[in-house]
Amino acid sequence: MSCKETRAFVDRIEGTIAVLRADGATIELPAAMLPEGAGEGTWVAISIAPIAVPEEAAAGETLRAKLGADDDGGDFKL
């Protein structure tokens, strides 16, 4: 699996949300995800790589598939 990496500028922190600027785009993420010492006016590296489906998400996907198997796509009655 390949990993993509870019640099981002921490533009501002609004409450618990950090607003970053990277490659002309705005990225919002929880400020708690910023590395220690990073804050408004600092640059950070962002790496993105695909991962295996987390176990808790896999259980939801299994249930969704099971429920969808019986769905004919039509209206339902309450």
Protein backbone atom coordinates (compact mmCIF):
# COMPACT_ATOMS: atom_id res chain seq x y z
CA MET A 1 0.00 0.00 0.00
CA SER A 2 1.27 3.43 -0.83
CA CYS A 3 1.31 6.41 1.46
CA LYS A 4 0.71 10.01 0.40
CA GLU A 5 2.31 12.83 2.33
CA THR A 6 1.96 16.59 2.18
CA ARG A 7 2.66 19.61 4.32
CA ALA A 8 -0.08 21.73 5.87
CA PHE A 9 -0.16 25.11 7.58
CA VAL A 10 -2.16 25.36 10.82
CA ASP A 11 -4.20 28.44 9.95
CA ARG A 12 -6.26 28.63 13.13
CA ILE A 13 -7.84 26.68 15.94
CA GLU A 14 -11.56 27.20 16.51
CA GLY A 15 -12.46 25.62 19.83
CA THR A 16 -11.69 21.92 19.41
CA ILE A 17 -11.23 22.12 15.61
CA ALA A 18 -7.91 22.83 13.87
CA VAL A 19 -8.20 24.45 10.44
CA LEU A 20 -5.29 23.60 8.15
CA ARG A 21 -4.39 24.78 4.64
CA ALA A 22 -2.75 22.27 2.33
CA ASP A 23 -2.30 22.43 -1.44
CA GLY A 24 -4.96 25.13 -1.73
CA ALA A 25 -7.53 23.13 0.27
CA THR A 26 -8.90 23.66 3.74
CA ILE A 27 -8.81 20.69 6.11
CA GLU A 28 -10.65 20.58 9.42
CA LEU A 29 -9.74 18.02 12.04
CA PRO A 30 -9.87 17.66 15.81
CA ALA A 31 -7.21 19.90 17.34
CA ALA A 32 -6.31 17.01 19.64
CA MET A 33 -4.85 15.24 16.57
CA LEU A 34 -2.17 17.89 16.16
CA PRO A 35 1.27 16.83 17.35
CA GLU A 36 2.56 18.26 20.61
CA GLY A 37 3.84 21.79 20.12
CA ALA A 38 1.86 22.43 16.93
CA GLY A 39 -0.53 25.35 16.96
CA GLU A 40 -1.63 28.34 14.95
CA GLY A 41 1.08 29.42 12.54
CA THR A 42 3.01 26.14 12.47
CA TRP A 43 3.56 23.66 9.66
CA VAL A 44 2.79 19.96 10.04
CA ALA A 45 3.23 16.88 7.89
CA ILE A 46 0.14 14.91 6.94
CA SER A 47 0.41 11.27 5.87
CA ILE A 48 -2.52 9.29 4.50
CA ALA A 49 -2.43 5.57 3.84
CA PRO A 50 -5.12 2.94 3.41
CA ILE A 51 -5.60 0.55 6.30
CA ALA A 52 -7.56 -2.63 6.90
CA VAL A 53 -11.18 -2.16 7.91
CA PRO A 54 -11.31 -1.73 11.71
CA GLU A 55 -13.10 -4.56 13.51
CA GLU A 56 -15.89 -2.30 14.81
CA ALA A 57 -16.59 -1.00 11.29
CA ALA A 58 -16.57 -4.51 9.84
CA ALA A 59 -19.38 -5.54 12.21
CA GLY A 60 -21.48 -2.61 10.99
CA GLU A 61 -20.80 -3.50 7.35
CA THR A 62 -21.86 -7.10 7.98
CA LEU A 63 -25.13 -5.96 9.56
CA ARG A 64 -25.76 -3.44 6.77
CA ALA A 65 -25.22 -6.14 4.13
CA LYS A 66 -27.52 -8.56 5.98
CA LEU A 67 -30.31 -5.99 6.26
CA GLY A 68 -29.87 -4.90 2.66
CA ALA A 69 -30.07 -8.47 1.32
CA ASP A 70 -33.81 -8.59 2.08
CA ASP A 71 -34.50 -5.06 0.80
CA ASP A 72 -36.28 -4.94 -2.56
CA GLY A 73 -35.80 -1.16 -2.71
CA GLY A 74 -39.52 -0.43 -2.49
CA ASP A 75 -41.61 1.37 0.09
CA PHE A 76 -42.00 -0.04 3.55
CA LYS A 77 -44.95 -0.05 5.93
CA LEU A 78 -44.79 1.09 9.51
